[in-house]
Amino acid sequence: MSDIALIHATFADAAEAERIGYAMVEARLAACVNLLGPCRSIYRWQGAVERGEEHRALFKTTPELARELVDAIAVQHSYDLPVIEIWPVAAGDAAADWVRVETR
């Protein structure tokens, strides 16, 4: 079992990443979100190779809330198929305790 879960997601722009990040922290599904800024993505979509700029975010939550958080992000996401990944993470006791206190 992991101590915490990191949820990695990409967004169409910085405003969407910040809006959804704020909503998830406010709803106590995430203890925090790190907005990582723009990145270039190369991906296959509907039979073609595409390129685009996206904005990455990492959400910190508990393993128990990870799936609920992913579902909540997906509901607010602008993409037809948002790729939202759950990464199990070992964390120090203080960080794991903080994440548990700050989420529901």
PDB file of N, CA and C in Angstrom:
ATOM      1  N   MET A   1       0.840  -1.189   0.000  1.00  0.00           N
ATOM      2  CA  MET A   1       0.000   0.000   0.000  1.00  0.00           C
ATOM      3  C   MET A   1       0.875   1.240   0.000  1.00  0.00           C
ATOM      4  N   SER A   2       0.462   2.245  -0.730  1.00  0.00           N
ATOM      5  CA  SER A   2       1.224   3.489  -0.773  1.00  0.00           C
ATOM      6  C   SER A   2       0.779   4.401   0.376  1.00  0.00           C
ATOM      7  N   ASP A   3       1.645   5.363   0.679  1.00  0.00           N
ATOM      8  CA  ASP A   3       1.333   6.342   1.722  1.00  0.00           C
ATOM      9  C   ASP A   3       0.349   7.386   1.224  1.00  0.00           C
ATOM     10  N   ILE A   4       0.596   7.868  -0.005  1.00  0.00           N
ATOM     11  CA  ILE A   4      -0.295   8.827  -0.645  1.00  0.00           C
ATOM     12  C   ILE A   4      -0.438   8.440  -2.109  1.00  0.00           C
ATOM     13  N   ALA A   5      -1.321   9.125  -2.792  1.00  0.00           N
ATOM     14  CA  ALA A   5      -1.469   8.937  -4.234  1.00  0.00           C
ATOM     15  C   ALA A   5      -1.261  10.282  -4.910  1.00  0.00           C
ATOM     16  N   LEU A   6      -0.496  10.265  -5.987  1.00  0.00           N
ATOM     17  CA  LEU A   6      -0.376  11.434  -6.848  1.00  0.00           C
ATOM     18  C   LEU A   6      -1.262  11.188  -8.062  1.00  0.00           C
ATOM     19  N   ILE A   7      -2.045  12.170  -8.388  1.00  0.00           N
ATOM     20  CA  ILE A   7      -2.893  12.101  -9.565  1.00  0.00           C
ATOM     21  C   ILE A   7      -2.276  13.045 -10.590  1.00  0.00           C
ATOM     22  N   HIS A   8      -1.867  12.498 -11.719  1.00  0.00           N
ATOM     23  CA  HIS A   8      -1.262  13.282 -12.786  1.00  0.00           C
ATOM     24  C   HIS A   8      -2.293  13.510 -13.877  1.00  0.00           C
ATOM     25  N   ALA A   9      -2.437  14.753 -14.306  1.00  0.00           N
ATOM     26  CA  ALA A   9      -3.380  15.075 -15.377  1.00  0.00           C
ATOM     27  C   ALA A   9      -2.813  16.199 -16.223  1.00  0.00           C
ATOM     28  N   THR A  10      -3.202  16.206 -17.484  1.00  0.00           N
ATOM     29  CA  THR A  10      -2.863  17.320 -18.369  1.00  0.00           C
ATOM     30  C   THR A  10      -4.144  18.043 -18.741  1.00  0.00           C
ATOM     31  N   PHE A  11      -4.002  19.348 -18.980  1.00  0.00           N
ATOM     32  CA  PHE A  11      -5.145  20.208 -19.272  1.00  0.00           C
ATOM     33  C   PHE A  11      -4.857  21.058 -20.499  1.00  0.00           C
ATOM     34  N   ALA A  12      -5.914  21.566 -21.106  1.00  0.00           N
ATOM     35  CA  ALA A  12      -5.791  22.359 -22.327  1.00  0.00           C
ATOM     36  C   ALA A  12      -5.043  23.669 -22.102  1.00  0.00           C
ATOM     37  N   ASP A  13      -5.205  24.255 -20.922  1.00  0.00           N
ATOM     38  CA  ASP A  13      -4.523  25.525 -20.641  1.00  0.00           C
ATOM     39  C   ASP A  13      -4.357  25.712 -19.138  1.00  0.00           C
ATOM     40  N   ALA A  14      -3.591  26.731 -18.778  1.00  0.00           N
ATOM     41  CA  ALA A  14      -3.285  26.984 -17.370  1.00  0.00           C
ATOM     42  C   ALA A  14      -4.540  27.332 -16.573  1.00  0.00           C
ATOM     43  N   ALA A  15      -5.454  28.061 -17.179  1.00  0.00           N
ATOM     44  CA  ALA A  15      -6.671  28.464 -16.465  1.00  0.00           C
ATOM     45  C   ALA A  15      -7.522  27.255 -16.087  1.00  0.00           C
ATOM     46  N   GLU A  16      -7.638  26.289 -16.995  1.00  0.00           N
ATOM     47  CA  GLU A  16      -8.407  25.081 -16.683  1.00  0.00           C
ATOM     48  C   GLU A  16      -7.732  24.290 -15.562  1.00  0.00           C
ATOM     49  N   ALA A  17      -6.420  24.139 -15.645  1.00  0.00           N
ATOM     50  CA  ALA A  17      -5.690  23.411 -14.609  1.00  0.00           C
ATOM     51  C   ALA A  17      -5.880  24.074 -13.247  1.00  0.00           C
ATOM     52  N   GLU A  18      -5.784  25.391 -13.200  1.00  0.00           N
ATOM     53  CA  GLU A  18      -5.946  26.099 -11.926  1.00  0.00           C
ATOM     54  C   GLU A  18      -7.381  26.028 -11.420  1.00  0.00           C
ATOM     55  N   ARG A  19      -8.348  26.200 -12.302  1.00  0.00           N
ATOM     56  CA  ARG A  19      -9.765  26.150 -11.896  1.00  0.00           C
ATOM     57  C   ARG A  19     -10.117  24.787 -11.307  1.00  0.00           C
ATOM     58  N   ILE A  20      -9.734  23.729 -11.987  1.00  0.00           N
ATOM     59  CA  ILE A  20     -10.044  22.381 -11.507  1.00  0.00           C
ATOM     60  C   ILE A  20      -9.217  22.058 -10.270  1.00  0.00           C
ATOM     61  N   GLY A  21      -7.955  22.451 -10.260  1.00  0.00           N
ATOM     62  CA  GLY A  21      -7.122  22.223  -9.082  1.00  0.00           C
ATOM     63  C   GLY A  21      -7.700  22.873  -7.835  1.00  0.00           C
ATOM     64  N   TYR A  22      -8.106  24.123  -7.963  1.00  0.00           N
ATOM     65  CA  TYR A  22      -8.693  24.832  -6.829  1.00  0.00           C
ATOM     66  C   TYR A  22      -9.961  24.124  -6.347  1.00  0.00           C
ATOM     67  N   ALA A  23     -10.804  23.707  -7.287  1.00  0.00           N
ATOM     68  CA  ALA A  23     -12.059  23.036  -6.925  1.00  0.00           C
ATOM     69  C   ALA A  23     -11.808  21.731  -6.174  1.00  0.00           C
ATOM     70  N   MET A  24     -10.785  20.980  -6.564  1.00  0.00           N
ATOM     71  CA  MET A  24     -10.498  19.699  -5.921  1.00  0.00           C
ATOM     72  C   MET A  24      -9.946  19.897  -4.506  1.00  0.00           C
ATOM     73  N   VAL A  25      -9.129  20.923  -4.315  1.00  0.00           N
ATOM     74  CA  VAL A  25      -8.622  21.220  -2.966  1.00  0.00           C
ATOM     75  C   VAL A  25      -9.758  21.750  -2.099  1.00  0.00           C
ATOM     76  N   GLU A  26     -10.570  22.632  -2.657  1.00  0.00           N
ATOM     77  CA  GLU A  26     -11.703  23.177  -1.907  1.00  0.00           C
ATOM     78  C   GLU A  26     -12.672  22.074  -1.480  1.00  0.00           C
ATOM     79  N   ALA A  27     -12.869  21.069  -2.336  1.00  0.00           N
ATOM     80  CA  ALA A  27     -13.767  19.949  -2.026  1.00  0.00           C
ATOM     81  C   ALA A  27     -13.114  18.921  -1.106  1.00  0.00           C
ATOM     82  N   ARG A  28     -11.863  19.133  -0.744  1.00  0.00           N
ATOM     83  CA  ARG A  28     -11.088  18.260   0.142  1.00  0.00           C
ATOM     84  C   ARG A  28     -10.845  16.873  -0.463  1.00  0.00           C
ATOM     85  N   LEU A  29     -10.897  16.788  -1.795  1.00  0.00           N
ATOM     86  CA  LEU A  29     -10.517  15.551  -2.470  1.00  0.00           C
ATOM     87  C   LEU A  29      -9.002  15.482  -2.648  1.00  0.00           C
ATOM     88  N   ALA A  30      -8.349  16.632  -2.630  1.00  0.00           N
ATOM     89  CA  ALA A  30      -6.890  16.716  -2.712  1.00  0.00           C
ATOM     90  C   ALA A  30      -6.392  17.664  -1.628  1.00  0.00           C
ATOM     91  N   ALA A  31      -5.248  17.336  -1.066  1.00  0.00           N
ATOM     92  CA  ALA A  31      -4.638  18.229  -0.070  1.00  0.00           C
ATOM     93  C   ALA A  31      -3.963  19.399  -0.753  1.00  0.00           C
ATOM     94  N   CYS A  32      -3.441  19.164  -1.955  1.00  0.00           N
ATOM     95  CA  CYS A  32      -2.820  20.235  -2.717  1.00  0.00           C
ATOM     96  C   CYS A  32      -2.720  19.822  -4.175  1.00  0.00           C
ATOM     97  N   VAL A  33      -2.460  20.806  -5.019  1.00  0.00           N
ATOM     98  CA  VAL A  33      -2.195  20.564  -6.434  1.00  0.00           C
ATOM     99  C   VAL A  33      -0.986  21.391  -6.833  1.00  0.00           C
ATOM    100  N   ASN A  34      -0.069  20.768  -7.539  1.00  0.00           N
ATOM    101  CA  ASN A  34       1.097  21.466  -8.089  1.00  0.00           C
ATOM    102  C   ASN A  34       0.837  21.688  -9.568  1.00  0.00           C
ATOM    103  N   LEU A  35       0.792  22.951  -9.976  1.00  0.00           N
ATOM    104  CA  LEU A  35       0.604  23.300 -11.383  1.00  0.00           C
ATOM    105  C   LEU A  35       1.984  23.419 -12.006  1.00  0.00           C
ATOM    106  N   LEU A  36       2.288  22.531 -12.941  1.00  0.00           N
ATOM    107  CA  LEU A  36       3.647  22.384 -13.446  1.00  0.00           C
ATOM    108  C   LEU A  36       3.930  23.157 -14.719  1.00  0.00           C
ATOM    109  N   GLY A  37       2.981  23.827 -15.251  1.00  0.00           N
ATOM    110  CA  GLY A  37       3.231  24.650 -16.418  1.00  0.00           C
ATOM    111  C   GLY A  37       3.122  23.899 -17.727  1.00  0.00           C
ATOM    112  N   PRO A  38       3.464  24.597 -18.799  1.00  0.00           N
ATOM    113  CA  PRO A  38       3.255  24.019 -20.130  1.00  0.00           C
ATOM    114  C   PRO A  38       4.237  22.903 -20.454  1.00  0.00           C
ATOM    115  N   CYS A  39       3.783  21.987 -21.284  1.00  0.00           N
ATOM    116  CA  CYS A  39       4.624  20.931 -21.830  1.00  0.00           C
ATOM    117  C   CYS A  39       4.149  20.658 -23.250  1.00  0.00           C
ATOM    118  N   ARG A  40       5.014  20.098 -24.055  1.00  0.00           N
ATOM    119  CA  ARG A  40       4.641  19.692 -25.415  1.00  0.00           C
ATOM    120  C   ARG A  40       4.240  18.232 -25.376  1.00  0.00           C
ATOM    121  N   SER A  41       3.121  17.918 -25.979  1.00  0.00           N
ATOM    122  CA  SER A  41       2.647  16.544 -26.029  1.00  0.00           C
ATOM    123  C   SER A  41       2.555  16.094 -27.483  1.00  0.00           C
ATOM    124  N   ILE A  42       2.947  14.857 -27.705  1.00  0.00           N
ATOM    125  CA  ILE A  42       2.805  14.212 -29.005  1.00  0.00           C
ATOM    126  C   ILE A  42       1.984  12.959 -28.758  1.00  0.00           C
ATOM    127  N   TYR A  43       0.890  12.819 -29.469  1.00  0.00           N
ATOM    128  CA  TYR A  43      -0.028  11.727 -29.172  1.00  0.00           C
ATOM    129  C   TYR A  43      -0.790  11.323 -30.435  1.00  0.00           C
ATOM    130  N   ARG A  44      -1.280  10.114 -30.425  1.00  0.00           N
ATOM    131  CA  ARG A  44      -2.118   9.637 -31.519  1.00  0.00           C
ATOM    132  C   ARG A  44      -3.572   9.868 -31.123  1.00  0.00           C
ATOM    133  N   TRP A  45      -4.340  10.504 -32.018  1.00  0.00           N
ATOM    134  CA  TRP A  45      -5.748  10.773 -31.754  1.00  0.00           C
ATOM    135  C   TRP A  45      -6.525  10.640 -33.053  1.00  0.00           C
ATOM    136  N   GLN A  46      -7.502   9.768 -33.039  1.00  0.00           N
ATOM    137  CA  GLN A  46      -8.397   9.542 -34.171  1.00  0.00           C
ATOM    138  C   GLN A  46      -7.615   9.276 -35.458  1.00  0.00           C
ATOM    139  N   GLY A  47      -6.590   8.408 -35.353  1.00  0.00           N
ATOM    140  CA  GLY A  47      -5.842   7.952 -36.505  1.00  0.00           C
ATOM    141  C   GLY A  47      -4.711   8.839 -36.973  1.00  0.00           C
ATOM    142  N   ALA A  48      -4.475   9.959 -36.298  1.00  0.00           N
ATOM    143  CA  ALA A  48      -3.401  10.874 -36.705  1.00  0.00           C
ATOM    144  C   ALA A  48      -2.483  11.165 -35.530  1.00  0.00           C
ATOM    145  N   VAL A  49      -1.232  11.459 -35.840  1.00  0.00           N
ATOM    146  CA  VAL A  49      -0.286  11.884 -34.808  1.00  0.00           C
ATOM    147  C   VAL A  49      -0.441  13.394 -34.652  1.00  0.00           C
ATOM    148  N   GLU A  50      -0.706  13.812 -33.433  1.00  0.00           N
ATOM    149  CA  GLU A  50      -0.952  15.224 -33.128  1.00  0.00           C
ATOM    150  C   GLU A  50       0.144  15.764 -32.217  1.00  0.00           C
ATOM    151  N   ARG A  51       0.294  17.066 -32.208  1.00  0.00           N
ATOM    152  CA  ARG A  51       1.186  17.776 -31.279  1.00  0.00           C
ATOM    153  C   ARG A  51       0.393  18.908 -30.660  1.00  0.00           C
ATOM    154  N   GLY A  52       0.686  19.192 -29.405  1.00  0.00           N
ATOM    155  CA  GLY A  52       0.009  20.308 -28.767  1.00  0.00           C
ATOM    156  C   GLY A  52       0.664  20.691 -27.463  1.00  0.00           C
ATOM    157  N   GLU A  53       0.340  21.880 -27.005  1.00  0.00           N
ATOM    158  CA  GLU A  53       0.803  22.342 -25.703  1.00  0.00           C
ATOM    159  C   GLU A  53      -0.276  22.026 -24.681  1.00  0.00           C
ATOM    160  N   GLU A  54       0.146  21.438 -23.575  1.00  0.00           N
ATOM    161  CA  GLU A  54      -0.767  21.138 -22.479  1.00  0.00           C
ATOM    162  C   GLU A  54      -0.146  21.656 -21.181  1.00  0.00           C
ATOM    163  N   HIS A  55      -0.954  21.658 -20.140  1.00  0.00           N
ATOM    164  CA  HIS A  55      -0.495  22.086 -18.814  1.00  0.00           C
ATOM    165  C   HIS A  55      -0.692  20.930 -17.846  1.00  0.00           C
ATOM    166  N   ARG A  56       0.392  20.552 -17.164  1.00  0.00           N
ATOM    167  CA  ARG A  56       0.374  19.405 -16.254  1.00  0.00           C
ATOM    168  C   ARG A  56       0.040  19.838 -14.833  1.00  0.00           C
ATOM    169  N   ALA A  57      -0.568  18.910 -14.099  1.00  0.00           N
ATOM    170  CA  ALA A  57      -0.850  19.145 -12.685  1.00  0.00           C
ATOM    171  C   ALA A  57      -0.694  17.827 -11.936  1.00  0.00           C
ATOM    172  N   LEU A  58      -0.193  17.939 -10.708  1.00  0.00           N
ATOM    173  CA  LEU A  58      -0.087  16.801  -9.788  1.00  0.00           C
ATOM    174  C   LEU A  58      -0.933  17.103  -8.558  1.00  0.00           C
ATOM    175  N   PHE A  59      -1.874  16.216  -8.288  1.00  0.00           N
ATOM    176  CA  PHE A  59      -2.748  16.350  -7.123  1.00  0.00           C
ATOM    177  C   PHE A  59      -2.283  15.362  -6.065  1.00  0.00           C
ATOM    178  N   LYS A  60      -2.209  15.780  -4.799  1.00  0.00           N
ATOM    179  CA  LYS A  60      -1.841  14.887  -3.698  1.00  0.00           C
ATOM    180  C   LYS A  60      -3.114  14.522  -2.930  1.00  0.00           C
ATOM    181  N   THR A  61      -3.334  13.215  -2.764  1.00  0.00           N
ATOM    182  CA  THR A  61      -4.514  12.740  -2.058  1.00  0.00           C
ATOM    183  C   THR A  61      -4.194  11.422  -1.362  1.00  0.00           C
ATOM    184  N   THR A  62      -5.192  10.847  -0.725  1.00  0.00           N
ATOM    185  CA  THR A  62      -5.022   9.538  -0.093  1.00  0.00           C
ATOM    186  C   THR A  62      -5.335   8.447  -1.117  1.00  0.00           C
ATOM    187  N   PRO A  63      -4.784   7.261  -0.919  1.00  0.00           N
ATOM    188  CA  PRO A  63      -5.133   6.155  -1.818  1.00  0.00           C
ATOM    189  C   PRO A  63      -6.642   5.879  -1.839  1.00  0.00           C
ATOM    190  N   GLU A  64      -7.299   6.078  -0.713  1.00  0.00           N
ATOM    191  CA  GLU A  64      -8.735   5.809  -0.613  1.00  0.00           C
ATOM    192  C   GLU A  64      -9.569   6.793  -1.446  1.00  0.00           C
ATOM    193  N   LEU A  65      -9.085   8.021  -1.620  1.00  0.00           N
ATOM    194  CA  LEU A  65      -9.828   9.038  -2.365  1.00  0.00           C
ATOM    195  C   LEU A  65      -9.384   9.154  -3.821  1.00  0.00           C
ATOM    196  N   ALA A  66      -8.376   8.417  -4.212  1.00  0.00           N
ATOM    197  CA  ALA A  66      -7.782   8.589  -5.536  1.00  0.00           C
ATOM    198  C   ALA A  66      -8.805   8.427  -6.660  1.00  0.00           C
ATOM    199  N   ARG A  67      -9.562   7.358  -6.653  1.00  0.00           N
ATOM    200  CA  ARG A  67     -10.531   7.110  -7.728  1.00  0.00           C
ATOM    201  C   ARG A  67     -11.621   8.175  -7.748  1.00  0.00           C
ATOM    202  N   GLU A  68     -12.109   8.585  -6.578  1.00  0.00           N
ATOM    203  CA  GLU A  68     -13.133   9.641  -6.511  1.00  0.00           C
ATOM    204  C   GLU A  68     -12.587  10.948  -7.075  1.00  0.00           C
ATOM    205  N   LEU A  69     -11.327  11.259  -6.752  1.00  0.00           N
ATOM    206  CA  LEU A  69     -10.695  12.466  -7.268  1.00  0.00           C
ATOM    207  C   LEU A  69     -10.580  12.403  -8.795  1.00  0.00           C
ATOM    208  N   VAL A  70     -10.123  11.280  -9.321  1.00  0.00           N
ATOM    209  CA  VAL A  70     -10.016  11.112 -10.782  1.00  0.00           C
ATOM    210  C   VAL A  70     -11.370  11.346 -11.441  1.00  0.00           C
ATOM    211  N   ASP A  71     -12.409  10.762 -10.895  1.00  0.00           N
ATOM    212  CA  ASP A  71     -13.753  10.919 -11.464  1.00  0.00           C
ATOM    213  C   ASP A  71     -14.216  12.378 -11.410  1.00  0.00           C
ATOM    214  N   ALA A  72     -13.920  13.074 -10.319  1.00  0.00           N
ATOM    215  CA  ALA A  72     -14.320  14.476 -10.176  1.00  0.00           C
ATOM    216  C   ALA A  72     -13.565  15.371 -11.156  1.00  0.00           C
ATOM    217  N   ILE A  73     -12.285  15.092 -11.352  1.00  0.00           N
ATOM    218  CA  ILE A  73     -11.511  15.853 -12.348  1.00  0.00           C
ATOM    219  C   ILE A  73     -12.102  15.628 -13.733  1.00  0.00           C
ATOM    220  N   ALA A  74     -12.388  14.372 -14.063  1.00  0.00           N
ATOM    221  CA  ALA A  74     -12.898  14.035 -15.393  1.00  0.00           C
ATOM    222  C   ALA A  74     -14.212  14.752 -15.702  1.00  0.00           C
ATOM    223  N   VAL A  75     -15.080  14.896 -14.708  1.00  0.00           N
ATOM    224  CA  VAL A  75     -16.370  15.565 -14.909  1.00  0.00           C
ATOM    225  C   VAL A  75     -16.167  17.023 -15.337  1.00  0.00           C
ATOM    226  N   GLN A  76     -15.164  17.688 -14.790  1.00  0.00           N
ATOM    227  CA  GLN A  76     -14.938  19.099 -15.091  1.00  0.00           C
ATOM    228  C   GLN A  76     -13.972  19.328 -16.252  1.00  0.00           C
ATOM    229  N   HIS A  77     -13.336  18.284 -16.738  1.00  0.00           N
ATOM    230  CA  HIS A  77     -12.292  18.385 -17.760  1.00  0.00           C
ATOM    231  C   HIS A  77     -12.887  18.682 -19.131  1.00  0.00           C
ATOM    232  N   SER A  78     -12.160  19.462 -19.938  1.00  0.00           N
ATOM    233  CA  SER A  78     -12.645  19.851 -21.262  1.00  0.00           C
ATOM    234  C   SER A  78     -12.382  18.804 -22.347  1.00  0.00           C
ATOM    235  N   TYR A  79     -11.485  17.855 -22.111  1.00  0.00           N
ATOM    236  CA  TYR A  79     -11.151  16.869 -23.146  1.00  0.00           C
ATOM    237  C   TYR A  79     -12.234  15.802 -23.272  1.00  0.00           C
ATOM    238  N   ASP A  80     -12.396  15.284 -24.483  1.00  0.00           N
ATOM    239  CA  ASP A  80     -13.283  14.143 -24.698  1.00  0.00           C
ATOM    240  C   ASP A  80     -12.776  12.914 -23.952  1.00  0.00           C
ATOM    241  N   LEU A  81     -11.454  12.758 -23.917  1.00  0.00           N
ATOM    242  CA  LEU A  81     -10.827  11.621 -23.249  1.00  0.00           C
ATOM    243  C   LEU A  81      -9.661  12.127 -22.392  1.00  0.00           C
ATOM    244  N   PRO A  82      -9.958  12.646 -21.194  1.00  0.00           N
ATOM    245  CA  PRO A  82      -8.851  13.091 -20.342  1.00  0.00           C
ATOM    246  C   PRO A  82      -8.069  11.889 -19.820  1.00  0.00           C
ATOM    247  N   VAL A  83      -6.753  11.977 -19.916  1.00  0.00           N
ATOM    248  CA  VAL A  83      -5.896  10.921 -19.364  1.00  0.00           C
ATOM    249  C   VAL A  83      -5.476  11.380 -17.980  1.00  0.00           C
ATOM    250  N   ILE A  84      -5.998  10.699 -16.983  1.00  0.00           N
ATOM    251  CA  ILE A  84      -5.755  11.050 -15.582  1.00  0.00           C
ATOM    252  C   ILE A  84      -5.217   9.798 -14.916  1.00  0.00           C
ATOM    253  N   GLU A  85      -3.973   9.878 -14.449  1.00  0.00           N
ATOM    254  CA  GLU A  85      -3.278   8.703 -13.930  1.00  0.00           C
ATOM    255  C   GLU A  85      -3.149   8.756 -12.421  1.00  0.00           C
ATOM    256  N   ILE A  86      -3.238   7.588 -11.797  1.00  0.00           N
ATOM    257  CA  ILE A  86      -3.023   7.459 -10.355  1.00  0.00           C
ATOM    258  C   ILE A  86      -1.645   6.837 -10.146  1.00  0.00           C
ATOM    259  N   TRP A  87      -0.792   7.556  -9.423  1.00  0.00           N
ATOM    260  CA  TRP A  87       0.547   7.061  -9.113  1.00  0.00           C
ATOM    261  C   TRP A  87       0.652   6.819  -7.609  1.00  0.00           C
ATOM    262  N   PRO A  88       0.841   5.581  -7.146  1.00  0.00           N
ATOM    263  CA  PRO A  88       1.072   5.337  -5.721  1.00  0.00           C
ATOM    264  C   PRO A  88       2.461   5.849  -5.344  1.00  0.00           C
ATOM    265  N   VAL A  89       2.550   6.490  -4.182  1.00  0.00           N
ATOM    266  CA  VAL A  89       3.795   7.142  -3.775  1.00  0.00           C
ATOM    267  C   VAL A  89       4.093   6.856  -2.312  1.00  0.00           C
ATOM    268  N   ALA A  90       5.350   6.555  -2.046  1.00  0.00           N
ATOM    269  CA  ALA A  90       5.812   6.477  -0.663  1.00  0.00           C
ATOM    270  C   ALA A  90       6.158   7.900  -0.222  1.00  0.00           C
ATOM    271  N   ALA A  91       5.694   8.273   0.935  1.00  0.00           N
ATOM    272  CA  ALA A  91       5.953   9.620   1.453  1.00  0.00           C
ATOM    273  C   ALA A  91       6.402   9.512   2.895  1.00  0.00           C
ATOM    274  N   GLY A  92       7.021  10.549   3.392  1.00  0.00           N
ATOM    275  CA  GLY A  92       7.376  10.587   4.802  1.00  0.00           C
ATOM    276  C   GLY A  92       6.124  10.629   5.662  1.00  0.00           C
ATOM    277  N   ASP A  93       6.281  10.249   6.915  1.00  0.00           N
ATOM    278  CA  ASP A  93       5.127  10.214   7.819  1.00  0.00           C
ATOM    279  C   ASP A  93       4.432  11.565   7.936  1.00  0.00           C
ATOM    280  N   ALA A  94       5.213  12.628   8.042  1.00  0.00           N
ATOM    281  CA  ALA A  94       4.618  13.956   8.204  1.00  0.00           C
ATOM    282  C   ALA A  94       3.795  14.339   6.973  1.00  0.00           C
ATOM    283  N   ALA A  95       4.299  14.068   5.783  1.00  0.00           N
ATOM    284  CA  ALA A  95       3.575  14.408   4.560  1.00  0.00           C
ATOM    285  C   ALA A  95       2.310  13.555   4.435  1.00  0.00           C
ATOM    286  N   ALA A  96       2.419  12.275   4.703  1.00  0.00           N
ATOM    287  CA  ALA A  96       1.250  11.389   4.619  1.00  0.00           C
ATOM    288  C   ALA A  96       0.181  11.806   5.626  1.00  0.00           C
ATOM    289  N   ASP A  97       0.600  12.153   6.845  1.00  0.00           N
ATOM    290  CA  ASP A  97      -0.352  12.616   7.853  1.00  0.00           C
ATOM    291  C   ASP A  97      -1.040  13.901   7.406  1.00  0.00           C
ATOM    292  N   TRP A  98      -0.275  14.833   6.833  1.00  0.00           N
ATOM    293  CA  TRP A  98      -0.838  16.098   6.368  1.00  0.00           C
ATOM    294  C   TRP A  98      -1.885  15.848   5.286  1.00  0.00           C
ATOM    295  N   VAL A  99      -1.581  14.986   4.319  1.00  0.00           N
ATOM    296  CA  VAL A  99      -2.533  14.689   3.251  1.00  0.00           C
ATOM    297  C   VAL A  99      -3.808  14.110   3.841  1.00  0.00           C
ATOM    298  N   ARG A 100      -3.690  13.216   4.811  1.00  0.00           N
ATOM    299  CA  ARG A 100      -4.880  12.609   5.439  1.00  0.00           C
ATOM    300  C   ARG A 100      -5.728  13.650   6.197  1.00  0.00           C
ATOM    301  N   VAL A 101      -5.052  14.569   6.897  1.00  0.00           N
ATOM    302  CA  VAL A 101      -5.772  15.600   7.660  1.00  0.00           C
ATOM    303  C   VAL A 101      -6.503  16.561   6.712  1.00  0.00           C
ATOM    304  N   GLU A 102      -5.882  16.888   5.584  1.00  0.00           N
ATOM    305  CA  GLU A 102      -6.436  17.918   4.703  1.00  0.00           C
ATOM    306  C   GLU A 102      -7.435  17.394   3.671  1.00  0.00           C
ATOM    307  N   THR A 103      -7.646  16.079   3.640  1.00  0.00           N
ATOM    308  CA  THR A 103      -8.665  15.515   2.763  1.00  0.00           C
ATOM    309  C   THR A 103      -9.762  14.921   3.644  1.00  0.00           C
ATOM    310  N   ARG A 104     -10.882  14.618   3.020  1.00  0.00           N
ATOM    311  CA  ARG A 104     -11.982  14.089   3.842  1.00  0.00           C
ATOM    312  C   ARG A 104     -11.890  12.622   4.060  1.00  0.00           C
TER     313      ARG A 104
END
